[in-house]
Amino acid sequence: MKLADKTLVITGGGGGIGRQLVLQALERGARVAAVDLRMAAMEETAALAKAGDRLSLHECNITDREAVHALPAAVIAAHGAVDGVVNNAGIIQPFTNVVALDYATIERVIDVNLWGTIHMVKAFLPELMKRPVAHLVNVSSMGGFLPFPGQTVYGASKAAVKLLTEGLYTELLGSQVAVSVVMPGAVATDITGNSGVGGHSPEQAEDSALKPLPAPDAARIIWDGVEADKLHILVGKDAKALNLASRLAPGPAARFITKQMEKMLPKE
C-alpha cells in the first residue's frame, strides 16, 4: 500500500522507531494518528513534524481494552477514515532469567506486547476491512525467531506476535487488507528506559556484535517494505543474517547469541 493520502495509526509514536515512523509517513504524504502513553513525548514528535492537522495525538494505554476500542472513533473523527495500522509499541523485560522474574513483570510484558497488539487488531481490523486498500503492520522482533537469554519472556511475546500476524495474513488472503510482520534487529532507541528496565540493551554493550541501526534507517526499511506489500520485513543486517542462521543451524545460532548476551545476564 502506498502511503500517500492514506490515514495511518501508529502506536509508540512518542519516540524511537515509532517517532520515526510518524515523521516519515508524514513525509510520504500520509495523515497520521499517533498513539502513546506519553502525551509529552508525542507533543515532541508533533513539534518535529510541523504537520498541522495531518497529525493527531491520542494518549492511550494499549493494555486497556476499552480505551483501545474507543480509538477508532477518535481517529475517524480526526481524519475521516483509517487505512493502515502499525502496532509498534512494545517493551522489554529486565535482563534476567525466567526463574528470577516475578509474575507481575511477566504479565506486564505479555500484556503490552501481545495483548496490546491483539486489542489494536480487534479494534481496527473491522475499519480496515471497509477500505478499498488497507494495511495491517505488527512489529515483532529478531527475538521472536531466535532465543535471547535474559529476554526469554519478551521473545515469547514477540514470537506470538509473529505467528499471530502470519495467521492474520492467511485469514485476509484475497481481501483488500495487506499484512506485514516487522522483525527488527538491534536498533538505537531508548527501549530500556521506556520499559523501565535498568542496565543497557545488548546493542549498547561493549564488544557486542549487535551493532545498532539508527532509528530513521529502521523506519525507512519498514515503510519501504509496507509499500512493497511484504509479509516479512527484516530490519537490519543482523536480523537478516540471524534469520538465515536460525533456520540453517538453530543450535549454533542460539549459542552465538548467548555469548553476545552473557554480559547482560546477572552473575551467579
C-alpha atoms as a PDB file:
ATOM      1  CA  MET A   1       0.000   0.000   0.000  1.00  0.00           C
ATOM      2  CA  LYS A   2       1.363   3.381  -0.957  1.00  0.00           C
ATOM      3  CA  LEU A   3       1.292   5.801   1.951  1.00  0.00           C
ATOM      4  CA  ALA A   4       0.372   8.979   0.091  1.00  0.00           C
ATOM      5  CA  ASP A   5      -3.113  10.234   1.002  1.00  0.00           C
ATOM      6  CA  LYS A   6      -3.677   7.365   3.469  1.00  0.00           C
ATOM      7  CA  THR A   7      -4.525   7.660   7.173  1.00  0.00           C
ATOM      8  CA  LEU A   8      -2.272   5.593   9.423  1.00  0.00           C
ATOM      9  CA  VAL A   9      -2.486   4.758  13.122  1.00  0.00           C
ATOM     10  CA  ILE A  10       0.965   4.265  14.695  1.00  0.00           C
ATOM     11  CA  THR A  11       1.426   3.135  18.291  1.00  0.00           C
ATOM     12  CA  GLY A  12       4.523   4.112  20.239  1.00  0.00           C
ATOM     13  CA  GLY A  13       4.631   7.398  18.331  1.00  0.00           C
ATOM     14  CA  GLY A  14       6.328   9.275  21.158  1.00  0.00           C
ATOM     15  CA  GLY A  15       9.861   8.069  20.475  1.00  0.00           C
ATOM     16  CA  GLY A  16      12.263   5.569  18.958  1.00  0.00           C
ATOM     17  CA  ILE A  17      11.175   3.752  15.820  1.00  0.00           C
ATOM     18  CA  GLY A  18       7.586   4.898  16.377  1.00  0.00           C
ATOM     19  CA  ARG A  19       8.512   8.573  16.197  1.00  0.00           C
ATOM     20  CA  GLN A  20      10.479   7.988  13.007  1.00  0.00           C
ATOM     21  CA  LEU A  21       7.576   6.040  11.513  1.00  0.00           C
ATOM     22  CA  VAL A  22       5.306   9.008  12.217  1.00  0.00           C
ATOM     23  CA  LEU A  23       7.700  11.566  10.749  1.00  0.00           C
ATOM     24  CA  GLN A  24       8.476   9.545   7.635  1.00  0.00           C
ATOM     25  CA  ALA A  25       4.842   8.619   6.984  1.00  0.00           C
ATOM     26  CA  LEU A  26       4.005  12.318   7.022  1.00  0.00           C
ATOM     27  CA  GLU A  27       6.906  12.977   4.653  1.00  0.00           C
ATOM     28  CA  ARG A  28       5.472  10.362   2.291  1.00  0.00           C
ATOM     29  CA  GLY A  29       2.141  12.186   2.194  1.00  0.00           C
ATOM     30  CA  ALA A  30       0.101  10.291   4.778  1.00  0.00           C
ATOM     31  CA  ARG A  31      -2.103  11.517   7.590  1.00  0.00           C
ATOM     32  CA  VAL A  32      -1.157  10.027  10.954  1.00  0.00           C
ATOM     33  CA  ALA A  33      -2.842   9.302  14.260  1.00  0.00           C
ATOM     34  CA  ALA A  34      -0.026   8.811  16.769  1.00  0.00           C
ATOM     35  CA  VAL A  35      -0.811   6.715  19.845  1.00  0.00           C
ATOM     36  CA  ASP A  36       1.287   6.566  23.020  1.00  0.00           C
ATOM     37  CA  LEU A  37       1.070   6.513  26.805  1.00  0.00           C
ATOM     38  CA  ARG A  38       3.162   9.675  26.973  1.00  0.00           C
ATOM     39  CA  MET A  39       1.443  12.785  25.654  1.00  0.00           C
ATOM     40  CA  ALA A  40       4.504  14.964  26.300  1.00  0.00           C
ATOM     41  CA  ALA A  41       6.621  12.663  24.128  1.00  0.00           C
ATOM     42  CA  MET A  42       4.040  12.767  21.330  1.00  0.00           C
ATOM     43  CA  GLU A  43       3.980  16.548  21.541  1.00  0.00           C
ATOM     44  CA  GLU A  44       7.739  16.465  20.902  1.00  0.00           C
ATOM     45  CA  THR A  45       7.056  14.329  17.828  1.00  0.00           C
ATOM     46  CA  ALA A  46       4.424  16.831  16.681  1.00  0.00           C
ATOM     47  CA  ALA A  47       6.837  19.732  17.156  1.00  0.00           C
ATOM     48  CA  LEU A  48       9.349  17.967  14.905  1.00  0.00           C
ATOM     49  CA  ALA A  49       6.707  17.090  12.318  1.00  0.00           C
ATOM     50  CA  LYS A  50       5.086  20.526  11.914  1.00  0.00           C
ATOM     51  CA  ALA A  51       2.277  18.722  10.101  1.00  0.00           C
ATOM     52  CA  GLY A  52      -0.749  20.659  11.329  1.00  0.00           C
ATOM     53  CA  ASP A  53      -3.996  18.728  11.207  1.00  0.00           C
ATOM     54  CA  ARG A  54      -2.398  15.887   9.244  1.00  0.00           C
ATOM     55  CA  LEU A  55      -1.164  14.612  12.635  1.00  0.00           C
ATOM     56  CA  SER A  56      -3.413  13.867  15.602  1.00  0.00           C
ATOM     57  CA  LEU A  57      -2.230  12.711  19.042  1.00  0.00           C
ATOM     58  CA  HIS A  58      -4.055  10.057  21.064  1.00  0.00           C
ATOM     59  CA  GLU A  59      -2.985   9.257  24.622  1.00  0.00           C
ATOM     60  CA  CYS A  60      -3.828   5.623  25.267  1.00  0.00           C
ATOM     61  CA  ASN A  61      -2.622   2.584  27.200  1.00  0.00           C
ATOM     62  CA  ILE A  62      -2.875  -0.252  24.691  1.00  0.00           C
ATOM     63  CA  THR A  63      -3.334  -2.796  27.501  1.00  0.00           C
ATOM     64  CA  ASP A  64      -6.678  -1.115  28.304  1.00  0.00           C
ATOM     65  CA  ARG A  65      -9.136  -2.930  26.035  1.00  0.00           C
ATOM     66  CA  GLU A  66     -11.957  -0.407  26.443  1.00  0.00           C
ATOM     67  CA  ALA A  67      -9.654   2.545  25.773  1.00  0.00           C
ATOM     68  CA  VAL A  68      -8.277   0.872  22.641  1.00  0.00           C
ATOM     69  CA  HIS A  69     -11.754   0.093  21.331  1.00  0.00           C
ATOM     70  CA  ALA A  70     -12.612   3.785  21.694  1.00  0.00           C
ATOM     71  CA  LEU A  71      -9.675   4.767  19.466  1.00  0.00           C
ATOM     72  CA  PRO A  72     -11.181   4.062  16.002  1.00  0.00           C
ATOM     73  CA  ALA A  73     -13.983   6.567  16.553  1.00  0.00           C
ATOM     74  CA  ALA A  74     -11.489   9.190  17.724  1.00  0.00           C
ATOM     75  CA  VAL A  75      -9.209   8.628  14.732  1.00  0.00           C
ATOM     76  CA  ILE A  76     -12.101   8.690  12.275  1.00  0.00           C
ATOM     77  CA  ALA A  77     -13.356  11.914  13.858  1.00  0.00           C
ATOM     78  CA  ALA A  78      -9.931  13.459  13.280  1.00  0.00           C
ATOM     79  CA  HIS A  79      -9.180  12.088   9.819  1.00  0.00           C
ATOM     80  CA  GLY A  80     -12.337  10.590   8.317  1.00  0.00           C
ATOM     81  CA  ALA A  81     -11.077   7.026   7.896  1.00  0.00           C
ATOM     82  CA  VAL A  82      -8.358   4.528   8.838  1.00  0.00           C
ATOM     83  CA  ASP A  83      -6.319   2.927   6.050  1.00  0.00           C
ATOM     84  CA  GLY A  84      -3.437   1.414   7.978  1.00  0.00           C
ATOM     85  CA  VAL A  85      -2.378   0.421  11.489  1.00  0.00           C
ATOM     86  CA  VAL A  86       1.173  -0.092  12.738  1.00  0.00           C
ATOM     87  CA  ASN A  87       1.366  -1.876  16.082  1.00  0.00           C
ATOM     88  CA  ASN A  88       4.828  -0.713  17.053  1.00  0.00           C
ATOM     89  CA  ALA A  89       4.553  -0.107  20.816  1.00  0.00           C
ATOM     90  CA  GLY A  90       6.367  -2.664  22.938  1.00  0.00           C
ATOM     91  CA  ILE A  91       8.564  -3.186  25.981  1.00  0.00           C
ATOM     92  CA  ILE A  92      11.393  -5.497  27.003  1.00  0.00           C
ATOM     93  CA  GLN A  93      11.890  -7.306  30.308  1.00  0.00           C
ATOM     94  CA  PRO A  94      14.669  -6.871  32.868  1.00  0.00           C
ATOM     95  CA  PHE A  95      17.834  -8.632  31.682  1.00  0.00           C
ATOM     96  CA  THR A  96      17.466 -11.758  33.771  1.00  0.00           C
ATOM     97  CA  ASN A  97      16.459 -15.398  33.519  1.00  0.00           C
ATOM     98  CA  VAL A  98      12.833 -16.536  33.730  1.00  0.00           C
ATOM     99  CA  VAL A  99      13.376 -18.176  37.117  1.00  0.00           C
ATOM    100  CA  ALA A 100      14.178 -14.761  38.619  1.00  0.00           C
ATOM    101  CA  LEU A 101      11.241 -12.881  37.043  1.00  0.00           C
ATOM    102  CA  ASP A 102       8.180 -12.166  39.154  1.00  0.00           C
ATOM    103  CA  TYR A 103       4.748 -12.775  37.694  1.00  0.00           C
ATOM    104  CA  ALA A 104       3.868  -9.074  37.628  1.00  0.00           C
ATOM    105  CA  THR A 105       6.799  -8.408  35.282  1.00  0.00           C
ATOM    106  CA  ILE A 106       5.955 -11.376  33.079  1.00  0.00           C
ATOM    107  CA  GLU A 107       2.322 -10.305  32.834  1.00  0.00           C
ATOM    108  CA  ARG A 108       3.254  -6.698  32.013  1.00  0.00           C
ATOM    109  CA  VAL A 109       5.469  -7.750  29.093  1.00  0.00           C
ATOM    110  CA  ILE A 110       2.799 -10.058  27.680  1.00  0.00           C
ATOM    111  CA  ASP A 111       0.031  -7.505  28.271  1.00  0.00           C
ATOM    112  CA  VAL A 112       1.836  -4.782  26.316  1.00  0.00           C
ATOM    113  CA  ASN A 113       3.458  -6.793  23.552  1.00  0.00           C
ATOM    114  CA  LEU A 114       0.817  -9.432  22.845  1.00  0.00           C
ATOM    115  CA  TRP A 115      -2.483  -8.317  24.346  1.00  0.00           C
ATOM    116  CA  GLY A 116      -1.878  -4.718  23.309  1.00  0.00           C
ATOM    117  CA  THR A 117      -1.402  -5.882  19.723  1.00  0.00           C
ATOM    118  CA  ILE A 118      -4.491  -8.109  19.897  1.00  0.00           C
ATOM    119  CA  HIS A 119      -6.599  -5.242  21.272  1.00  0.00           C
ATOM    120  CA  MET A 120      -5.486  -2.975  18.435  1.00  0.00           C
ATOM    121  CA  VAL A 121      -6.148  -5.650  15.807  1.00  0.00           C
ATOM    122  CA  LYS A 122      -9.617  -6.382  17.152  1.00  0.00           C
ATOM    123  CA  ALA A 123     -10.469  -2.672  17.375  1.00  0.00           C
ATOM    124  CA  PHE A 124      -9.184  -1.561  13.983  1.00  0.00           C
ATOM    125  CA  LEU A 125      -9.400  -4.545  11.634  1.00  0.00           C
ATOM    126  CA  PRO A 126     -13.148  -4.080  11.038  1.00  0.00           C
ATOM    127  CA  GLU A 127     -12.421  -0.500   9.925  1.00  0.00           C
ATOM    128  CA  LEU A 128      -9.555  -1.604   7.669  1.00  0.00           C
ATOM    129  CA  MET A 129     -11.839  -4.141   6.010  1.00  0.00           C
ATOM    130  CA  LYS A 130     -14.168  -1.304   4.943  1.00  0.00           C
ATOM    131  CA  ARG A 131     -11.433   0.429   2.939  1.00  0.00           C
ATOM    132  CA  PRO A 132     -10.649  -0.222  -0.751  1.00  0.00           C
ATOM    133  CA  VAL A 133      -6.968  -0.696   0.163  1.00  0.00           C
ATOM    134  CA  ALA A 134      -5.582  -1.151   3.678  1.00  0.00           C
ATOM    135  CA  HIS A 135      -2.568  -2.474   5.553  1.00  0.00           C
ATOM    136  CA  LEU A 136      -2.017  -4.012   8.987  1.00  0.00           C
ATOM    137  CA  VAL A 137       1.553  -3.994  10.341  1.00  0.00           C
ATOM    138  CA  ASN A 138       2.635  -5.714  13.561  1.00  0.00           C
ATOM    139  CA  VAL A 139       6.143  -5.244  14.930  1.00  0.00           C
ATOM    140  CA  SER A 140       7.705  -8.440  16.270  1.00  0.00           C
ATOM    141  CA  SER A 141      11.465  -8.722  16.807  1.00  0.00           C
ATOM    142  CA  MET A 142      14.600 -10.642  15.941  1.00  0.00           C
ATOM    143  CA  GLY A 143      13.940 -12.073  19.401  1.00  0.00           C
ATOM    144  CA  GLY A 144      10.736 -13.542  18.019  1.00  0.00           C
ATOM    145  CA  PHE A 145      12.574 -16.102  15.900  1.00  0.00           C
ATOM    146  CA  LEU A 146      15.846 -16.534  17.827  1.00  0.00           C
ATOM    147  CA  PRO A 147      16.209 -17.055  21.601  1.00  0.00           C
ATOM    148  CA  PHE A 148      17.908 -14.306  23.603  1.00  0.00           C
ATOM    149  CA  PRO A 149      18.769 -15.480  27.136  1.00  0.00           C
ATOM    150  CA  GLY A 150      17.748 -12.837  29.606  1.00  0.00           C
ATOM    151  CA  GLN A 151      14.899 -11.812  27.292  1.00  0.00           C
ATOM    152  CA  THR A 152      13.009 -15.100  27.119  1.00  0.00           C
ATOM    153  CA  VAL A 153       9.557 -13.785  28.070  1.00  0.00           C
ATOM    154  CA  TYR A 154       9.997 -10.796  25.745  1.00  0.00           C
ATOM    155  CA  GLY A 155      10.992 -13.196  22.952  1.00  0.00           C
ATOM    156  CA  ALA A 156       7.997 -15.426  23.652  1.00  0.00           C
ATOM    157  CA  SER A 157       5.658 -12.443  23.416  1.00  0.00           C
ATOM    158  CA  LYS A 158       7.219 -11.341  20.135  1.00  0.00           C
ATOM    159  CA  ALA A 159       7.169 -14.883  18.721  1.00  0.00           C
ATOM    160  CA  ALA A 160       3.447 -14.886  19.471  1.00  0.00           C
ATOM    161  CA  VAL A 161       3.057 -11.582  17.629  1.00  0.00           C
ATOM    162  CA  LYS A 162       4.896 -13.061  14.643  1.00  0.00           C
ATOM    163  CA  LEU A 163       2.621 -16.105  14.419  1.00  0.00           C
ATOM    164  CA  LEU A 164      -0.466 -14.003  15.130  1.00  0.00           C
ATOM    165  CA  THR A 165       0.431 -11.799  12.172  1.00  0.00           C
ATOM    166  CA  GLU A 166       1.161 -14.719   9.877  1.00  0.00           C
ATOM    167  CA  GLY A 167      -2.215 -16.192  10.843  1.00  0.00           C
ATOM    168  CA  LEU A 168      -3.943 -12.903  10.044  1.00  0.00           C
ATOM    169  CA  TYR A 169      -2.152 -12.906   6.693  1.00  0.00           C
ATOM    170  CA  THR A 170      -3.747 -16.252   5.825  1.00  0.00           C
ATOM    171  CA  GLU A 171      -7.169 -15.134   7.058  1.00  0.00           C
ATOM    172  CA  LEU A 172      -7.024 -11.983   4.925  1.00  0.00           C
ATOM    173  CA  LEU A 173      -5.683 -13.539   1.717  1.00  0.00           C
ATOM    174  CA  GLY A 174      -7.820 -12.351  -1.173  1.00  0.00           C
ATOM    175  CA  SER A 175      -9.093  -9.345   0.788  1.00  0.00           C
ATOM    176  CA  GLN A 176      -8.141  -5.707   0.374  1.00  0.00           C
ATOM    177  CA  VAL A 177      -6.097  -5.786   3.608  1.00  0.00           C
ATOM    178  CA  ALA A 178      -2.366  -6.495   3.255  1.00  0.00           C
ATOM    179  CA  VAL A 179      -0.483  -7.762   6.308  1.00  0.00           C
ATOM    180  CA  SER A 180       3.159  -7.360   7.351  1.00  0.00           C
ATOM    181  CA  VAL A 181       5.193  -8.536  10.321  1.00  0.00           C
ATOM    182  CA  VAL A 182       8.303  -6.476  11.095  1.00  0.00           C
ATOM    183  CA  MET A 183      11.330  -8.139  12.708  1.00  0.00           C
ATOM    184  CA  PRO A 184      13.906  -5.531  13.716  1.00  0.00           C
ATOM    185  CA  GLY A 185      17.409  -6.427  14.817  1.00  0.00           C
ATOM    186  CA  ALA A 186      19.370  -4.077  17.051  1.00  0.00           C
ATOM    187  CA  VAL A 187      18.072  -0.524  16.658  1.00  0.00           C
ATOM    188  CA  ALA A 188      19.329   2.520  18.540  1.00  0.00           C
ATOM    189  CA  THR A 189      16.337   3.504  20.691  1.00  0.00           C
ATOM    190  CA  ASP A 190      15.605   4.097  24.370  1.00  0.00           C
ATOM    191  CA  ILE A 191      13.513   0.938  24.777  1.00  0.00           C
ATOM    192  CA  THR A 192      15.321   0.074  28.024  1.00  0.00           C
ATOM    193  CA  GLY A 193      14.358   3.386  29.598  1.00  0.00           C
ATOM    194  CA  ASN A 194      10.831   3.359  28.204  1.00  0.00           C
ATOM    195  CA  SER A 195      10.384  -0.190  29.510  1.00  0.00           C
ATOM    196  CA  GLY A 196      11.505   0.799  32.996  1.00  0.00           C
ATOM    197  CA  VAL A 197      14.427  -1.620  32.761  1.00  0.00           C
ATOM    198  CA  GLY A 198      17.805  -0.857  34.291  1.00  0.00           C
ATOM    199  CA  GLY A 199      21.133  -1.521  32.610  1.00  0.00           C
ATOM    200  CA  HIS A 200      21.937  -1.414  28.906  1.00  0.00           C
ATOM    201  CA  SER A 201      20.418  -3.090  25.926  1.00  0.00           C
ATOM    202  CA  PRO A 202      22.511  -5.714  24.077  1.00  0.00           C
ATOM    203  CA  GLU A 203      23.426  -3.357  21.278  1.00  0.00           C
ATOM    204  CA  GLN A 204      24.906  -0.922  23.794  1.00  0.00           C
ATOM    205  CA  ALA A 205      27.211  -3.480  25.360  1.00  0.00           C
ATOM    206  CA  GLU A 206      30.927  -3.186  24.713  1.00  0.00           C
ATOM    207  CA  ASP A 207      32.350  -5.612  22.147  1.00  0.00           C
ATOM    208  CA  SER A 208      28.841  -6.712  21.140  1.00  0.00           C
ATOM    209  CA  ALA A 209      28.456  -7.963  17.574  1.00  0.00           C
ATOM    210  CA  LEU A 210      24.950  -6.479  17.554  1.00  0.00           C
ATOM    211  CA  LYS A 211      25.583  -3.058  16.067  1.00  0.00           C
ATOM    212  CA  PRO A 212      22.514  -0.849  16.320  1.00  0.00           C
ATOM    213  CA  LEU A 213      20.816   0.561  13.244  1.00  0.00           C
ATOM    214  CA  PRO A 214      19.764   4.218  13.532  1.00  0.00           C
ATOM    215  CA  ALA A 215      16.009   4.518  14.102  1.00  0.00           C
ATOM    216  CA  PRO A 216      15.451   6.639  10.944  1.00  0.00           C
ATOM    217  CA  ASP A 217      17.025   3.886   8.836  1.00  0.00           C
ATOM    218  CA  ALA A 218      14.821   1.289  10.518  1.00  0.00           C
ATOM    219  CA  ALA A 219      11.688   3.311   9.797  1.00  0.00           C
ATOM    220  CA  ARG A 220      12.657   3.737   6.146  1.00  0.00           C
ATOM    221  CA  ILE A 221      13.131  -0.024   5.740  1.00  0.00           C
ATOM    222  CA  ILE A 222       9.747  -0.648   7.358  1.00  0.00           C
ATOM    223  CA  TRP A 223       7.881   1.806   5.129  1.00  0.00           C
ATOM    224  CA  ASP A 224       9.633   0.529   2.013  1.00  0.00           C
ATOM    225  CA  GLY A 225       8.508  -2.977   2.966  1.00  0.00           C
ATOM    226  CA  VAL A 226       4.942  -1.840   3.598  1.00  0.00           C
ATOM    227  CA  GLU A 227       4.759  -0.035   0.281  1.00  0.00           C
ATOM    228  CA  ALA A 228       6.010  -3.249  -1.396  1.00  0.00           C
ATOM    229  CA  ASP A 229       3.333  -5.286   0.487  1.00  0.00           C
ATOM    230  CA  LYS A 230       5.915  -7.628   2.014  1.00  0.00           C
ATOM    231  CA  LEU A 231       4.739 -10.171   4.581  1.00  0.00           C
ATOM    232  CA  HIS A 232       8.118 -10.381   6.365  1.00  0.00           C
ATOM    233  CA  ILE A 233      10.093  -7.166   6.826  1.00  0.00           C
ATOM    234  CA  LEU A 234      13.534  -7.876   8.311  1.00  0.00           C
ATOM    235  CA  VAL A 235      15.176  -4.713   9.623  1.00  0.00           C
ATOM    236  CA  GLY A 236      18.975  -4.645   9.743  1.00  0.00           C
ATOM    237  CA  LYS A 237      21.797  -6.849   8.530  1.00  0.00           C
ATOM    238  CA  ASP A 238      21.830  -8.673  11.868  1.00  0.00           C
ATOM    239  CA  ALA A 239      18.159  -9.622  11.576  1.00  0.00           C
ATOM    240  CA  LYS A 240      18.666 -10.916   8.041  1.00  0.00           C
ATOM    241  CA  ALA A 241      21.807 -12.891   8.891  1.00  0.00           C
ATOM    242  CA  LEU A 242      20.449 -14.386  12.105  1.00  0.00           C
ATOM    243  CA  ASN A 243      17.120 -15.250  10.489  1.00  0.00           C
ATOM    244  CA  LEU A 244      19.024 -17.341   7.951  1.00  0.00           C
ATOM    245  CA  ALA A 245      21.341 -18.780  10.599  1.00  0.00           C
ATOM    246  CA  SER A 246      18.449 -19.765  12.863  1.00  0.00           C
ATOM    247  CA  ARG A 247      16.876 -21.708  10.009  1.00  0.00           C
ATOM    248  CA  LEU A 248      20.038 -23.451   8.832  1.00  0.00           C
ATOM    249  CA  ALA A 249      21.756 -24.057  12.176  1.00  0.00           C
ATOM    250  CA  PRO A 250      19.497 -23.170  15.119  1.00  0.00           C
ATOM    251  CA  GLY A 251      21.847 -24.579  17.788  1.00  0.00           C
ATOM    252  CA  PRO A 252      24.977 -22.664  16.738  1.00  0.00           C
ATOM    253  CA  ALA A 253      22.912 -19.526  16.174  1.00  0.00           C
ATOM    254  CA  ALA A 254      21.491 -19.740  19.698  1.00  0.00           C
ATOM    255  CA  ARG A 255      24.959 -20.288  21.167  1.00  0.00           C
ATOM    256  CA  PHE A 256      26.295 -17.257  19.278  1.00  0.00           C
ATOM    257  CA  ILE A 257      23.553 -15.066  20.719  1.00  0.00           C
ATOM    258  CA  THR A 258      24.169 -16.490  24.188  1.00  0.00           C
ATOM    259  CA  LYS A 259      27.784 -15.324  24.017  1.00  0.00           C
ATOM    260  CA  GLN A 260      26.622 -11.869  22.973  1.00  0.00           C
ATOM    261  CA  MET A 261      24.189 -11.737  25.894  1.00  0.00           C
ATOM    262  CA  GLU A 262      26.477 -13.076  28.620  1.00  0.00           C
ATOM    263  CA  LYS A 263      27.465  -9.604  29.794  1.00  0.00           C
ATOM    264  CA  MET A 264      23.783  -8.671  30.126  1.00  0.00           C
ATOM    265  CA  LEU A 265      22.886 -11.533  32.493  1.00  0.00           C
ATOM    266  CA  PRO A 266      23.350 -11.329  36.263  1.00  0.00           C
ATOM    267  CA  LYS A 267      26.404 -13.122  37.594  1.00  0.00           C
ATOM    268  CA  GLU A 268      25.717 -16.040  39.914  1.00  0.00           C
END
